[in-house]
C-alpha atoms as a PDB file:
ATOM      1  CA  UNK A   1       0.000   0.000   0.000  1.00  0.00           C
ATOM      2  CA  UNK A   2       1.242   3.447  -0.891  1.00  0.00           C
ATOM      3  CA  UNK A   3       0.926   5.987   1.901  1.00  0.00           C
ATOM      4  CA  UNK A   4       0.507   9.657   1.050  1.00  0.00           C
ATOM      5  CA  UNK A   5       2.226  12.280   3.177  1.00  0.00           C
ATOM      6  CA  UNK A   6       2.393  16.036   2.804  1.00  0.00           C
ATOM      7  CA  UNK A   7       4.161  18.663   4.848  1.00  0.00           C
ATOM      8  CA  UNK A   8       4.987  22.340   4.752  1.00  0.00           C
ATOM      9  CA  UNK A   9       8.068  23.279   6.784  1.00  0.00           C
ATOM     10  CA  UNK A  10       7.853  27.010   7.279  1.00  0.00           C
ATOM     11  CA  UNK A  11      10.364  29.140   9.117  1.00  0.00           C
ATOM     12  CA  UNK A  12       7.948  29.342  12.038  1.00  0.00           C
ATOM     13  CA  UNK A  13       5.800  26.215  12.001  1.00  0.00           C
ATOM     14  CA  UNK A  14       5.531  22.777  10.432  1.00  0.00           C
ATOM     15  CA  UNK A  15       2.167  21.746   8.987  1.00  0.00           C
ATOM     16  CA  UNK A  16       1.761  18.068   8.074  1.00  0.00           C
ATOM     17  CA  UNK A  17      -0.964  15.599   7.090  1.00  0.00           C
ATOM     18  CA  UNK A  18      -1.211  11.931   6.047  1.00  0.00           C
ATOM     19  CA  UNK A  19      -3.783   9.271   5.036  1.00  0.00           C
ATOM     20  CA  UNK A  20      -5.062   8.443   8.450  1.00  0.00           C
ATOM     21  CA  UNK A  21      -5.705  11.943   9.729  1.00  0.00           C
ATOM     22  CA  UNK A  22      -7.691  14.787   8.190  1.00  0.00           C
ATOM     23  CA  UNK A  23      -6.595  17.149  10.957  1.00  0.00           C
ATOM     24  CA  UNK A  24      -3.354  18.938  10.155  1.00  0.00           C
ATOM     25  CA  UNK A  25      -0.516  18.393  12.625  1.00  0.00           C
ATOM     26  CA  UNK A  26       1.029  21.772  13.547  1.00  0.00           C
ATOM     27  CA  UNK A  27       4.239  22.150  15.540  1.00  0.00           C
ATOM     28  CA  UNK A  28       7.117  24.657  15.787  1.00  0.00           C
ATOM     29  CA  UNK A  29       9.918  24.494  13.214  1.00  0.00           C
ATOM     30  CA  UNK A  30      12.318  24.037  16.093  1.00  0.00           C
ATOM     31  CA  UNK A  31      13.264  21.195  18.410  1.00  0.00           C
ATOM     32  CA  UNK A  32      15.621  20.526  21.321  1.00  0.00           C
ATOM     33  CA  UNK A  33      17.958  17.921  22.706  1.00  0.00           C
ATOM     34  CA  UNK A  34      16.273  15.793  25.340  1.00  0.00           C
ATOM     35  CA  UNK A  35      19.093  16.667  27.722  1.00  0.00           C
ATOM     36  CA  UNK A  36      17.881  20.296  27.648  1.00  0.00           C
ATOM     37  CA  UNK A  37      14.866  19.292  29.750  1.00  0.00           C
ATOM     38  CA  UNK A  38      16.954  18.887  32.881  1.00  0.00           C
ATOM     39  CA  UNK A  39      16.043  16.563  35.729  1.00  0.00           C
ATOM     40  CA  UNK A  40      14.319  16.676  39.094  1.00  0.00           C
ATOM     41  CA  UNK A  41      13.905  14.166  41.902  1.00  0.00           C
ATOM     42  CA  UNK A  42      10.115  14.391  41.528  1.00  0.00           C
ATOM     43  CA  UNK A  43       9.780  14.986  37.766  1.00  0.00           C
ATOM     44  CA  UNK A  44       8.650  11.405  37.177  1.00  0.00           C
ATOM     45  CA  UNK A  45       5.384  12.215  38.984  1.00  0.00           C
ATOM     46  CA  UNK A  46       4.644  15.490  37.247  1.00  0.00           C
ATOM     47  CA  UNK A  47       6.372  15.479  33.846  1.00  0.00           C
ATOM     48  CA  UNK A  48       3.717  15.752  31.125  1.00  0.00           C
ATOM     49  CA  UNK A  49       6.052  14.077  28.629  1.00  0.00           C
ATOM     50  CA  UNK A  50       4.312  13.108  25.409  1.00  0.00           C
ATOM     51  CA  UNK A  51       1.385  15.420  26.170  1.00  0.00           C
ATOM     52  CA  UNK A  52       3.766  18.135  24.982  1.00  0.00           C
ATOM     53  CA  UNK A  53       6.457  16.434  22.926  1.00  0.00           C
ATOM     54  CA  UNK A  54       7.779  13.143  21.578  1.00  0.00           C
ATOM     55  CA  UNK A  55      11.321  11.757  21.653  1.00  0.00           C
ATOM     56  CA  UNK A  56      13.112  11.137  18.338  1.00  0.00           C
ATOM     57  CA  UNK A  57      16.318   9.424  17.290  1.00  0.00           C
ATOM     58  CA  UNK A  58      17.578   9.695  13.716  1.00  0.00           C
ATOM     59  CA  UNK A  59      20.169   7.754  11.742  1.00  0.00           C
ATOM     60  CA  UNK A  60      21.600  11.193  10.875  1.00  0.00           C
ATOM     61  CA  UNK A  61      22.701  11.609  14.477  1.00  0.00           C
ATOM     62  CA  UNK A  62      22.968   8.199  16.165  1.00  0.00           C
ATOM     63  CA  UNK A  63      22.842   8.212  19.935  1.00  0.00           C
ATOM     64  CA  UNK A  64      21.344  11.695  20.342  1.00  0.00           C
ATOM     65  CA  UNK A  65      17.761  11.989  21.567  1.00  0.00           C
ATOM     66  CA  UNK A  66      15.742  14.999  20.479  1.00  0.00           C
ATOM     67  CA  UNK A  67      12.325  16.235  21.563  1.00  0.00           C
ATOM     68  CA  UNK A  68       9.753  17.828  19.276  1.00  0.00           C
ATOM     69  CA  UNK A  69       5.982  18.256  19.246  1.00  0.00           C
ATOM     70  CA  UNK A  70       2.967  20.532  19.181  1.00  0.00           C
ATOM     71  CA  UNK A  71       3.490  21.977  22.664  1.00  0.00           C
ATOM     72  CA  UNK A  72       7.269  21.829  22.850  1.00  0.00           C
ATOM     73  CA  UNK A  73       7.539  25.522  23.704  1.00  0.00           C
ATOM     74  CA  UNK A  74       5.498  24.939  26.856  1.00  0.00           C
ATOM     75  CA  UNK A  75       7.971  22.305  28.035  1.00  0.00           C
ATOM     76  CA  UNK A  76      11.303  24.022  27.465  1.00  0.00           C
ATOM     77  CA  UNK A  77      12.943  27.435  27.766  1.00  0.00           C
ATOM     78  CA  UNK A  78      13.209  29.424  24.510  1.00  0.00           C
ATOM     79  CA  UNK A  79      17.020  29.581  24.773  1.00  0.00           C
ATOM     80  CA  UNK A  80      17.194  25.756  24.656  1.00  0.00           C
ATOM     81  CA  UNK A  81      15.412  25.468  21.301  1.00  0.00           C
ATOM     82  CA  UNK A  82      17.283  24.533  18.115  1.00  0.00           C
ATOM     83  CA  UNK A  83      15.828  26.618  15.294  1.00  0.00           C
ATOM     84  CA  UNK A  84      15.737  25.711  11.601  1.00  0.00           C
ATOM     85  CA  UNK A  85      15.020  29.309  10.545  1.00  0.00           C
ATOM     86  CA  UNK A  86      17.645  30.479   8.068  1.00  0.00           C
ATOM     87  CA  UNK A  87      17.867  31.772   4.509  1.00  0.00           C
ATOM     88  CA  UNK A  88      21.362  30.353   3.998  1.00  0.00           C
ATOM     89  CA  UNK A  89      21.883  26.789   2.770  1.00  0.00           C
ATOM     90  CA  UNK A  90      18.759  25.621   4.582  1.00  0.00           C
ATOM     91  CA  UNK A  91      18.229  22.287   2.825  1.00  0.00           C
ATOM     92  CA  UNK A  92      21.805  21.085   3.438  1.00  0.00           C
ATOM     93  CA  UNK A  93      21.598  22.024   7.086  1.00  0.00           C
ATOM     94  CA  UNK A  94      21.520  19.050   9.482  1.00  0.00           C
ATOM     95  CA  UNK A  95      18.918  20.792  11.649  1.00  0.00           C
ATOM     96  CA  UNK A  96      16.536  21.035   8.699  1.00  0.00           C
ATOM     97  CA  UNK A  97      17.143  17.421   7.674  1.00  0.00           C
ATOM     98  CA  UNK A  98      16.526  16.203  11.217  1.00  0.00           C
ATOM     99  CA  UNK A  99      13.243  18.118  11.346  1.00  0.00           C
ATOM    100  CA  UNK A 100      12.146  16.549   8.042  1.00  0.00           C
ATOM    101  CA  UNK A 101      12.775  13.098   9.504  1.00  0.00           C
ATOM    102  CA  UNK A 102      10.917  13.941  12.709  1.00  0.00           C
ATOM    103  CA  UNK A 103       7.913  15.019  10.611  1.00  0.00           C
ATOM    104  CA  UNK A 104       8.007  11.783   8.601  1.00  0.00           C
ATOM    105  CA  UNK A 105       8.240   9.745  11.807  1.00  0.00           C
ATOM    106  CA  UNK A 106       5.355  11.671  13.382  1.00  0.00           C
ATOM    107  CA  UNK A 107       3.127  10.941  10.386  1.00  0.00           C
ATOM    108  CA  UNK A 108       4.345   7.326  10.263  1.00  0.00           C
ATOM    109  CA  UNK A 109       3.297   6.845  13.897  1.00  0.00           C
ATOM    110  CA  UNK A 110      -0.330   6.748  12.689  1.00  0.00           C
ATOM    111  CA  UNK A 111       0.375   3.342  11.108  1.00  0.00           C
ATOM    112  CA  UNK A 112       1.042  -0.064  12.645  1.00  0.00           C
ATOM    113  CA  UNK A 113       3.483  -1.161   9.922  1.00  0.00           C
ATOM    114  CA  UNK A 114       7.216  -0.989  10.666  1.00  0.00           C
ATOM    115  CA  UNK A 115       8.020  -0.059   7.042  1.00  0.00           C
ATOM    116  CA  UNK A 116       5.996   2.326   4.896  1.00  0.00           C
ATOM    117  CA  UNK A 117       6.133   3.072   1.164  1.00  0.00           C
ATOM    118  CA  UNK A 118       5.467   6.800   0.928  1.00  0.00           C
ATOM    119  CA  UNK A 119       4.563   9.320  -1.756  1.00  0.00           C
ATOM    120  CA  UNK A 120       5.546  12.751  -0.437  1.00  0.00           C
ATOM    121  CA  UNK A 121       4.492  16.238  -1.519  1.00  0.00           C
ATOM    122  CA  UNK A 122       6.033  19.341  -0.001  1.00  0.00           C
ATOM    123  CA  UNK A 123       6.903  22.864  -1.076  1.00  0.00           C
ATOM    124  CA  UNK A 124       9.659  25.427  -1.197  1.00  0.00           C
ATOM    125  CA  UNK A 125       9.949  29.112  -2.171  1.00  0.00           C
ATOM    126  CA  UNK A 126       9.016  29.425  -5.830  1.00  0.00           C
ATOM    127  CA  UNK A 127      12.337  30.886  -6.959  1.00  0.00           C
ATOM    128  CA  UNK A 128      14.093  27.742  -5.702  1.00  0.00           C
ATOM    129  CA  UNK A 129      12.029  25.291  -7.785  1.00  0.00           C
ATOM    130  CA  UNK A 130      14.042  23.578 -10.568  1.00  0.00           C
ATOM    131  CA  UNK A 131      17.373  24.786  -9.156  1.00  0.00           C
ATOM    132  CA  UNK A 132      20.235  22.997  -7.403  1.00  0.00           C
ATOM    133  CA  UNK A 133      18.352  23.524  -4.115  1.00  0.00           C
ATOM    134  CA  UNK A 134      15.355  21.653  -5.525  1.00  0.00           C
ATOM    135  CA  UNK A 135      17.569  18.771  -6.644  1.00  0.00           C
ATOM    136  CA  UNK A 136      19.412  18.541  -3.312  1.00  0.00           C
ATOM    137  CA  UNK A 137      16.209  18.490  -1.279  1.00  0.00           C
ATOM    138  CA  UNK A 138      14.716  15.783  -3.503  1.00  0.00           C
ATOM    139  CA  UNK A 139      17.903  13.742  -3.209  1.00  0.00           C
ATOM    140  CA  UNK A 140      17.697  13.862   0.584  1.00  0.00           C
ATOM    141  CA  UNK A 141      13.975  13.123   0.829  1.00  0.00           C
ATOM    142  CA  UNK A 142      13.694  10.338  -1.756  1.00  0.00           C
ATOM    143  CA  UNK A 143      15.266   7.461   0.146  1.00  0.00           C
ATOM    144  CA  UNK A 144      14.757   5.211   3.158  1.00  0.00           C
ATOM    145  CA  UNK A 145      14.643   7.114   6.449  1.00  0.00           C
ATOM    146  CA  UNK A 146      15.295   5.224   9.692  1.00  0.00           C
ATOM    147  CA  UNK A 147      13.834   7.099  12.674  1.00  0.00           C
ATOM    148  CA  UNK A 148      12.754   6.196  16.193  1.00  0.00           C
ATOM    149  CA  UNK A 149       9.789   7.923  17.822  1.00  0.00           C
ATOM    150  CA  UNK A 150       9.371   7.217  21.531  1.00  0.00           C
ATOM    151  CA  UNK A 151      11.542   4.126  21.119  1.00  0.00           C
ATOM    152  CA  UNK A 152       9.542   2.666  18.208  1.00  0.00           C
ATOM    153  CA  UNK A 153      11.605   2.328  15.035  1.00  0.00           C
ATOM    154  CA  UNK A 154      10.104   3.091  11.629  1.00  0.00           C
ATOM    155  CA  UNK A 155      11.481   2.792   8.129  1.00  0.00           C
ATOM    156  CA  UNK A 156       9.906   5.433   5.906  1.00  0.00           C
ATOM    157  CA  UNK A 157      10.745   4.592   2.300  1.00  0.00           C
ATOM    158  CA  UNK A 158       9.929   7.672   0.219  1.00  0.00           C
ATOM    159  CA  UNK A 159       9.443   6.297  -3.286  1.00  0.00           C
ATOM    160  CA  UNK A 160       8.327   9.529  -4.944  1.00  0.00           C
ATOM    161  CA  UNK A 161       8.735  13.223  -4.060  1.00  0.00           C
ATOM    162  CA  UNK A 162       7.072  16.229  -5.625  1.00  0.00           C
ATOM    163  CA  UNK A 163       8.200  19.736  -4.720  1.00  0.00           C
ATOM    164  CA  UNK A 164       5.671  22.474  -5.453  1.00  0.00           C
ATOM    165  CA  UNK A 165       5.874  26.231  -5.297  1.00  0.00           C
ATOM    166  CA  UNK A 166       4.626  27.042  -1.785  1.00  0.00           C
ATOM    167  CA  UNK A 167       1.831  29.449  -2.812  1.00  0.00           C
ATOM    168  CA  UNK A 168       0.532  26.960  -5.385  1.00  0.00           C
ATOM    169  CA  UNK A 169      -0.650  24.824  -2.469  1.00  0.00           C
ATOM    170  CA  UNK A 170      -3.217  27.456  -1.515  1.00  0.00           C
ATOM    171  CA  UNK A 171      -4.550  27.620  -5.077  1.00  0.00           C
ATOM    172  CA  UNK A 172      -4.796  23.827  -5.272  1.00  0.00           C
ATOM    173  CA  UNK A 173      -6.671  23.799  -1.974  1.00  0.00           C
ATOM    174  CA  UNK A 174      -9.059  26.441  -3.258  1.00  0.00           C
ATOM    175  CA  UNK A 175      -9.578  25.215  -6.819  1.00  0.00           C
ATOM    176  CA  UNK A 176      -8.785  21.472  -6.925  1.00  0.00           C
ATOM    177  CA  UNK A 177     -12.257  20.069  -6.272  1.00  0.00           C
ATOM    178  CA  UNK A 178     -13.061  16.338  -6.377  1.00  0.00           C
ATOM    179  CA  UNK A 179      -9.884  15.692  -8.354  1.00  0.00           C
ATOM    180  CA  UNK A 180     -10.684  18.318 -11.014  1.00  0.00           C
ATOM    181  CA  UNK A 181      -9.269  21.786 -11.572  1.00  0.00           C
ATOM    182  CA  UNK A 182     -11.760  24.654 -11.372  1.00  0.00           C
ATOM    183  CA  UNK A 183     -11.760  26.926 -14.434  1.00  0.00           C
ATOM    184  CA  UNK A 184     -10.618  29.896 -12.300  1.00  0.00           C
ATOM    185  CA  UNK A 185      -7.275  28.161 -11.828  1.00  0.00           C
ATOM    186  CA  UNK A 186      -6.938  26.985 -15.421  1.00  0.00           C
ATOM    187  CA  UNK A 187      -8.132  30.216 -17.070  1.00  0.00           C
ATOM    188  CA  UNK A 188      -7.522  33.165 -14.735  1.00  0.00           C
ATOM    189  CA  UNK A 189      -4.462  35.221 -13.889  1.00  0.00           C
ATOM    190  CA  UNK A 190      -3.990  35.038 -10.121  1.00  0.00           C
ATOM    191  CA  UNK A 191      -1.428  36.726  -7.869  1.00  0.00           C
ATOM    192  CA  UNK A 192      -0.787  34.949  -4.570  1.00  0.00           C
ATOM    193  CA  UNK A 193       0.861  36.789  -1.677  1.00  0.00           C
ATOM    194  CA  UNK A 194       2.164  34.150   0.759  1.00  0.00           C
ATOM    195  CA  UNK A 195       3.031  36.005   3.968  1.00  0.00           C
ATOM    196  CA  UNK A 196       5.051  33.642   6.140  1.00  0.00           C
ATOM    197  CA  UNK A 197       7.396  33.843   9.107  1.00  0.00           C
ATOM    198  CA  UNK A 198      10.584  34.588   7.201  1.00  0.00           C
ATOM    199  CA  UNK A 199       9.498  35.328   3.637  1.00  0.00           C
ATOM    200  CA  UNK A 200       6.743  36.914   1.599  1.00  0.00           C
ATOM    201  CA  UNK A 201       6.348  35.128  -1.722  1.00  0.00           C
ATOM    202  CA  UNK A 202       4.604  36.999  -4.516  1.00  0.00           C
ATOM    203  CA  UNK A 203       3.649  34.580  -7.297  1.00  0.00           C
ATOM    204  CA  UNK A 204       1.529  35.321 -10.347  1.00  0.00           C
ATOM    205  CA  UNK A 205      -0.002  32.350 -12.193  1.00  0.00           C
ATOM    206  CA  UNK A 206      -1.679  32.319 -15.594  1.00  0.00           C
ATOM    207  CA  UNK A 207      -3.186  29.028 -16.687  1.00  0.00           C
ATOM    208  CA  UNK A 208      -1.469  27.366 -13.682  1.00  0.00           C
ATOM    209  CA  UNK A 209       1.958  28.479 -14.939  1.00  0.00           C
ATOM    210  CA  UNK A 210       4.053  30.895 -12.906  1.00  0.00           C
ATOM    211  CA  UNK A 211       4.906  34.184 -14.633  1.00  0.00           C
ATOM    212  CA  UNK A 212       8.516  34.842 -13.643  1.00  0.00           C
ATOM    213  CA  UNK A 213       8.628  38.587 -14.258  1.00  0.00           C
ATOM    214  CA  UNK A 214       5.578  39.119 -12.029  1.00  0.00           C
ATOM    215  CA  UNK A 215       6.827  36.900  -9.208  1.00  0.00           C
ATOM    216  CA  UNK A 216       9.445  37.331  -6.506  1.00  0.00           C
ATOM    217  CA  UNK A 217      10.433  36.217  -3.010  1.00  0.00           C
ATOM    218  CA  UNK A 218      10.916  38.978  -0.434  1.00  0.00           C
ATOM    219  CA  UNK A 219      12.918  37.910   2.612  1.00  0.00           C
ATOM    220  CA  UNK A 220      10.633  39.672   5.051  1.00  0.00           C
ATOM    221  CA  UNK A 221       7.708  38.335   7.085  1.00  0.00           C
ATOM    222  CA  UNK A 222       6.164  37.962  10.542  1.00  0.00           C
ATOM    223  CA  UNK A 223       9.578  37.495  12.168  1.00  0.00           C
ATOM    224  CA  UNK A 224      10.469  41.046  11.137  1.00  0.00           C
ATOM    225  CA  UNK A 225       7.301  42.321  12.820  1.00  0.00           C
ATOM    226  CA  UNK A 226       8.135  40.353  15.976  1.00  0.00           C
ATOM    227  CA  UNK A 227      11.676  41.777  15.984  1.00  0.00           C
ATOM    228  CA  UNK A 228      10.382  45.345  15.587  1.00  0.00           C
ATOM    229  CA  UNK A 229       7.972  44.881  18.517  1.00  0.00           C
ATOM    230  CA  UNK A 230      10.747  43.256  20.559  1.00  0.00           C
ATOM    231  CA  UNK A 231      12.959  46.326  20.063  1.00  0.00           C
ATOM    232  CA  UNK A 232      10.135  48.697  20.983  1.00  0.00           C
ATOM    233  CA  UNK A 233       9.168  46.838  24.160  1.00  0.00           C
ATOM    234  CA  UNK A 234      12.757  46.231  25.271  1.00  0.00           C
ATOM    235  CA  UNK A 235      13.352  49.978  25.156  1.00  0.00           C
ATOM    236  CA  UNK A 236       9.976  50.989  26.608  1.00  0.00           C
ATOM    237  CA  UNK A 237      10.026  48.656  29.617  1.00  0.00           C
ATOM    238  CA  UNK A 238      13.815  48.108  29.981  1.00  0.00           C
ATOM    239  CA  UNK A 239      13.446  44.353  29.388  1.00  0.00           C
ATOM    240  CA  UNK A 240      16.922  42.864  29.013  1.00  0.00           C
ATOM    241  CA  UNK A 241      16.037  39.187  28.443  1.00  0.00           C
ATOM    242  CA  UNK A 242      13.036  39.537  26.138  1.00  0.00           C
ATOM    243  CA  UNK A 243      12.867  36.724  23.572  1.00  0.00           C
ATOM    244  CA  UNK A 244      11.190  36.916  20.162  1.00  0.00           C
ATOM    245  CA  UNK A 245       9.121  33.808  20.968  1.00  0.00           C
ATOM    246  CA  UNK A 246       7.543  35.718  23.860  1.00  0.00           C
ATOM    247  CA  UNK A 247       6.429  38.382  21.390  1.00  0.00           C
ATOM    248  CA  UNK A 248       4.968  35.728  19.099  1.00  0.00           C
ATOM    249  CA  UNK A 249       3.063  34.216  22.012  1.00  0.00           C
ATOM    250  CA  UNK A 250       1.862  37.712  22.955  1.00  0.00           C
ATOM    251  CA  UNK A 251       0.331  38.145  19.492  1.00  0.00           C
ATOM    252  CA  UNK A 252      -1.708  34.975  20.094  1.00  0.00           C
ATOM    253  CA  UNK A 253      -2.744  36.238  23.541  1.00  0.00           C
ATOM    254  CA  UNK A 254      -4.366  39.450  22.331  1.00  0.00           C
ATOM    255  CA  UNK A 255      -1.228  41.645  22.257  1.00  0.00           C
ATOM    256  CA  UNK A 256      -0.224  40.997  25.855  1.00  0.00           C
ATOM    257  CA  UNK A 257       3.397  40.220  26.686  1.00  0.00           C
ATOM    258  CA  UNK A 258       3.587  37.823  29.610  1.00  0.00           C
ATOM    259  CA  UNK A 259       6.964  37.746  31.334  1.00  0.00           C
ATOM    260  CA  UNK A 260       5.512  36.133  34.441  1.00  0.00           C
ATOM    261  CA  UNK A 261       2.194  36.061  36.284  1.00  0.00           C
ATOM    262  CA  UNK A 262       3.017  39.392  37.916  1.00  0.00           C
ATOM    263  CA  UNK A 263       4.724  41.047  34.937  1.00  0.00           C
ATOM    264  CA  UNK A 264       2.494  41.489  31.897  1.00  0.00           C
ATOM    265  CA  UNK A 265       2.554  44.316  29.343  1.00  0.00           C
ATOM    266  CA  UNK A 266      -0.030  45.234  26.665  1.00  0.00           C
ATOM    267  CA  UNK A 267       1.484  46.123  23.291  1.00  0.00           C
ATOM    268  CA  UNK A 268      -1.362  46.531  20.782  1.00  0.00           C
ATOM    269  CA  UNK A 269      -0.166  49.964  19.681  1.00  0.00           C
ATOM    270  CA  UNK A 270       3.409  48.765  19.136  1.00  0.00           C
ATOM    271  CA  UNK A 271       2.129  45.743  17.202  1.00  0.00           C
ATOM    272  CA  UNK A 272      -0.034  47.876  14.909  1.00  0.00           C
ATOM    273  CA  UNK A 273       2.857  50.232  14.199  1.00  0.00           C
ATOM    274  CA  UNK A 274       5.163  47.324  13.302  1.00  0.00           C
ATOM    275  CA  UNK A 275       2.512  45.653  11.120  1.00  0.00           C
ATOM    276  CA  UNK A 276       1.705  48.849   9.214  1.00  0.00           C
ATOM    277  CA  UNK A 277       5.388  49.656   8.628  1.00  0.00           C
ATOM    278  CA  UNK A 278       6.092  46.150   7.313  1.00  0.00           C
ATOM    279  CA  UNK A 279       2.961  45.951   5.146  1.00  0.00           C
ATOM    280  CA  UNK A 280       3.686  49.382   3.642  1.00  0.00           C
ATOM    281  CA  UNK A 281       7.111  48.126   2.551  1.00  0.00           C
ATOM    282  CA  UNK A 282       5.749  44.860   1.152  1.00  0.00           C
ATOM    283  CA  UNK A 283       2.892  46.505  -0.775  1.00  0.00           C
ATOM    284  CA  UNK A 284       5.365  48.938  -2.326  1.00  0.00           C
ATOM    285  CA  UNK A 285       7.409  45.910  -3.481  1.00  0.00           C
ATOM    286  CA  UNK A 286       4.275  44.213  -4.861  1.00  0.00           C
ATOM    287  CA  UNK A 287       3.505  47.354  -6.874  1.00  0.00           C
ATOM    288  CA  UNK A 288       6.972  47.138  -8.434  1.00  0.00           C
ATOM    289  CA  UNK A 289       6.532  43.437  -9.227  1.00  0.00           C
ATOM    290  CA  UNK A 290       2.928  43.576 -10.462  1.00  0.00           C
ATOM    291  CA  UNK A 291       3.034  46.967 -12.104  1.00  0.00           C
ATOM    292  CA  UNK A 292      -0.372  46.740 -13.884  1.00  0.00           C
ATOM    293  CA  UNK A 293      -2.977  45.404 -11.473  1.00  0.00           C
ATOM    294  CA  UNK A 294      -5.837  45.470 -13.985  1.00  0.00           C
ATOM    295  CA  UNK A 295      -4.260  42.442 -15.727  1.00  0.00           C
ATOM    296  CA  UNK A 296      -4.810  40.340 -12.582  1.00  0.00           C
ATOM    297  CA  UNK A 297      -8.160  38.560 -12.102  1.00  0.00           C
ATOM    298  CA  UNK A 298      -7.638  37.686  -8.425  1.00  0.00           C
ATOM    299  CA  UNK A 299      -5.345  38.578  -5.545  1.00  0.00           C
ATOM    300  CA  UNK A 300      -5.030  35.951  -2.793  1.00  0.00           C
ATOM    301  CA  UNK A 301      -3.291  36.462   0.567  1.00  0.00           C
ATOM    302  CA  UNK A 302      -2.214  33.312   2.410  1.00  0.00           C
ATOM    303  CA  UNK A 303       0.527  32.055   4.751  1.00  0.00           C
ATOM    304  CA  UNK A 304       0.987  31.756   8.494  1.00  0.00           C
ATOM    305  CA  UNK A 305       1.032  35.519   9.023  1.00  0.00           C
ATOM    306  CA  UNK A 306      -2.025  36.320   6.912  1.00  0.00           C
ATOM    307  CA  UNK A 307      -4.491  36.313   9.800  1.00  0.00           C
ATOM    308  CA  UNK A 308      -2.365  38.754  11.796  1.00  0.00           C
ATOM    309  CA  UNK A 309      -1.903  41.252   8.943  1.00  0.00           C
ATOM    310  CA  UNK A 310      -4.921  40.556   6.714  1.00  0.00           C
ATOM    311  CA  UNK A 311      -7.092  43.546   7.644  1.00  0.00           C
ATOM    312  CA  UNK A 312      -4.163  45.968   7.438  1.00  0.00           C
ATOM    313  CA  UNK A 313      -3.188  44.448   4.104  1.00  0.00           C
ATOM    314  CA  UNK A 314      -6.695  45.051   2.737  1.00  0.00           C
ATOM    315  CA  UNK A 315      -6.597  48.718   3.794  1.00  0.00           C
ATOM    316  CA  UNK A 316      -3.166  49.400   2.302  1.00  0.00           C
ATOM    317  CA  UNK A 317      -3.619  47.316  -0.850  1.00  0.00           C
ATOM    318  CA  UNK A 318      -7.045  48.762  -1.676  1.00  0.00           C
ATOM    319  CA  UNK A 319      -8.347  46.000  -3.984  1.00  0.00           C
ATOM    320  CA  UNK A 320     -11.895  44.625  -3.736  1.00  0.00           C
ATOM    321  CA  UNK A 321     -10.754  41.408  -5.425  1.00  0.00           C
ATOM    322  CA  UNK A 322      -8.334  40.665  -2.568  1.00  0.00           C
ATOM    323  CA  UNK A 323      -9.122  37.374  -0.785  1.00  0.00           C
ATOM    324  CA  UNK A 324      -7.479  36.764   2.603  1.00  0.00           C
ATOM    325  CA  UNK A 325      -7.659  32.972   3.009  1.00  0.00           C
ATOM    326  CA  UNK A 326      -9.370  31.955   6.260  1.00  0.00           C
ATOM    327  CA  UNK A 327      -7.325  28.792   6.874  1.00  0.00           C
ATOM    328  CA  UNK A 328      -4.166  30.574   5.767  1.00  0.00           C
ATOM    329  CA  UNK A 329      -1.733  28.681   8.005  1.00  0.00           C
ATOM    330  CA  UNK A 330      -2.795  25.264   6.694  1.00  0.00           C
ATOM    331  CA  UNK A 331      -4.041  26.119   3.178  1.00  0.00           C
ATOM    332  CA  UNK A 332      -0.771  25.176   1.456  1.00  0.00           C
ATOM    333  CA  UNK A 333      -0.489  21.744   3.073  1.00  0.00           C
ATOM    334  CA  UNK A 334      -4.150  20.983   2.345  1.00  0.00           C
ATOM    335  CA  UNK A 335      -3.403  21.756  -1.312  1.00  0.00           C
ATOM    336  CA  UNK A 336      -0.315  19.525  -1.255  1.00  0.00           C
ATOM    337  CA  UNK A 337      -2.459  16.756   0.214  1.00  0.00           C
ATOM    338  CA  UNK A 338      -5.041  17.047  -2.576  1.00  0.00           C
ATOM    339  CA  UNK A 339      -2.284  16.902  -5.179  1.00  0.00           C
ATOM    340  CA  UNK A 340      -0.710  13.918  -3.399  1.00  0.00           C
ATOM    341  CA  UNK A 341      -4.028  12.067  -3.584  1.00  0.00           C
ATOM    342  CA  UNK A 342      -3.997  12.510  -7.369  1.00  0.00           C
ATOM    343  CA  UNK A 343      -0.437  11.189  -7.588  1.00  0.00           C
ATOM    344  CA  UNK A 344      -1.184   8.104  -5.507  1.00  0.00           C
ATOM    345  CA  UNK A 345      -4.391   7.345  -7.437  1.00  0.00           C
ATOM    346  CA  UNK A 346      -2.512   7.604 -10.744  1.00  0.00           C
ATOM    347  CA  UNK A 347       0.344   5.385  -9.502  1.00  0.00           C
ATOM    348  CA  UNK A 348      -2.006   2.718  -8.190  1.00  0.00           C
ATOM    349  CA  UNK A 349      -4.148   2.658 -11.345  1.00  0.00           C
ATOM    350  CA  UNK A 350      -1.193   2.449 -13.772  1.00  0.00           C
END
């Protein structure tokens, strides 16, 4: 049996889905060594363990135990996390490769079999498709991966890999219906603005083909907004140990920075200023890239940061045809999953 797996490893979060689970698995794009947890004489009674994370061992790093999971950040200090966020040589980086294997093992844990034959669909920034980076990532993914999750060993044999332009996932999720392409995707000219943690990808598609001279990747995203707020709050409240992850958590908690139960600071005004400044810069770049807007049938905003900036984006961009995707964080991986279903069906019927 061929198993379909799809994942989207963003600079902030991993989104992943497989056959056995319609719900998307979402976890930070960072992990930690198990030794970073520390020990206590009474931790065996109170440690939440796999409620927050799972323990992984990879053939890439024999003998080292790592922890990773949906609630990892609740279990470990921010300074103990190993981040995969980088724009330099990301796909050759051991941290990134380890995270890929942890994702595969997490999805494989849904199955009883020790060995799985897998068809995998994932994405990467559009400008990197059909380059050396594309080839290197495929070479790493398309092989047998030996990984332990909580002591249970799995062999994940990836027999086929498809790398898609990240924003294309959102369009496939929106317009690939019951295995057929909607005419809006096949006939229209659509510009997708994928606002992520570390990048904003502007891609224009006509007849499902990317138009290079109206597409570009800007290395700016939600992380830049978090950094701007971090600088503002560090200066305003004289906070010397403020971490960017605390700012990110504050965005999810209604613009309240929680240092401790007795030290909490509202920052809605600082957040709005940082969002507006960043969106102004990005919209000015979009206007350079897509110089004649009247040639575009639809504008779509997606990505993990879309919900945080969507309303501001609408105001600055000023287009009635602008669609801010509701499930923006998971839209790409849902599209990958639909495409993966087509691949598996074709392979099994041939």
